[in-house]
Amino acid sequence: MITLHGFGAGFGLPEISPYVTKTEVHLQMAGVAYERVQAQRESSPKGQLPWIEDDGEMIADSHFIRLHLERKYGVDFDEGLCPVQRAQAWAIERMIENHFAWTTAHVRWLVPENFAKGPAMFFKALPPEMQEDLRKQIQHEIAGNIRAVGVGRHSEAEILGLGVRSLAALSALLGDQAFMMGERPTGVDAVAFGVLSGLMTPYFNAPIRDQAMRFDNLVAYVDRMMAGVYPDHDWTPLFRAPEAVAA
C-alpha cells in the first residue's frame, strides 16, 4: 500500500494542491493501491508536497514520483504516443508547471480577499499571537517565488495576459479531443487537470478565472476529469452547453 502525503481537501476541491492532485491521478492511472494522508511540507524529504512512501522508500516531487511508478510498476503513462507526441506532452507539462501555474498562483495568495478565506485559514489552529506573523511570512515567500520565476515582475494586466495566452494554447491543443493528447488520458492530463481545476474552482474569484471559464472545451475537460478521478467529490459541473437556437 502506497501512502500519498498531501494537503487534503479544501477550496471546493478534493485536494488543495494541483501537484498532489497530479500524483493522485498518476496513482489511479497506474492502478496501484494507495491511501491519502494529510501532511505538512516540513515532513517531506524535499520540504514540499506531494511525497509518497512505498515499501519504506520515500519519494518527493510529483515528477520523480511519476518516474518511480513507471519504473517499479512497469507503467507507461504515455503509452501509445509516438516520440514526437511524447516530446509535445513534455513541453505542455513544462509550460503548465513552470509558467502557467505561476500566473494563477496570485489568485489564492496575492488577492487579499482570496487569501483571507483561503490560505490564511491554514494557520487558524495556531495560537493567535503566531497566526499573523506566519501568514505574512508565507505570503512573502510565495510572492518572492512568483517574482523569482519572472512572472511576479509584471503588472497585474500583463500577468493576466500571459495566463490567458496559456489558456488559449491549452484550448487549441485540446480541441475536440477528450484528453490533451487524444481520446485516452496520458501523463500530461494529470497536471493539466490539477492546475485547471485549481483555477476554476468557484471558491475563488479573479479575472483569470473569468477568462478561463470562456474556454468551453477546457471547462468541459475539467468536469470530465473530475468525474473520472473523484466521482464521489461534491463538484457541481461548470460546463453549460449553449441552448439550442429555436428554428
Foldseek 3Di string as FASTA:
>chain_A
DKEKEAAADDLLGRGQFLLSQLQLVLCVVLVDDYDYDYDALVVAPVSHDIWMADPNDIGHGSVVSNVVSCVPSVDALPPPDDPVLVVVLVVLLCCVPLPLLLLQVCQQQVPVVNVVVPVLVVQPVDPPVVSVVVSVVVSVVSLVVSVVSPLSVDDNVVSLVSNLVSLVVQLVQCPPALANRHPDGGSSRSSLLSSLCSLQRPSTDDPSNVSNLVSQSSLVSNVVVCCVSPVPRPDDRSHDDDDDDDD
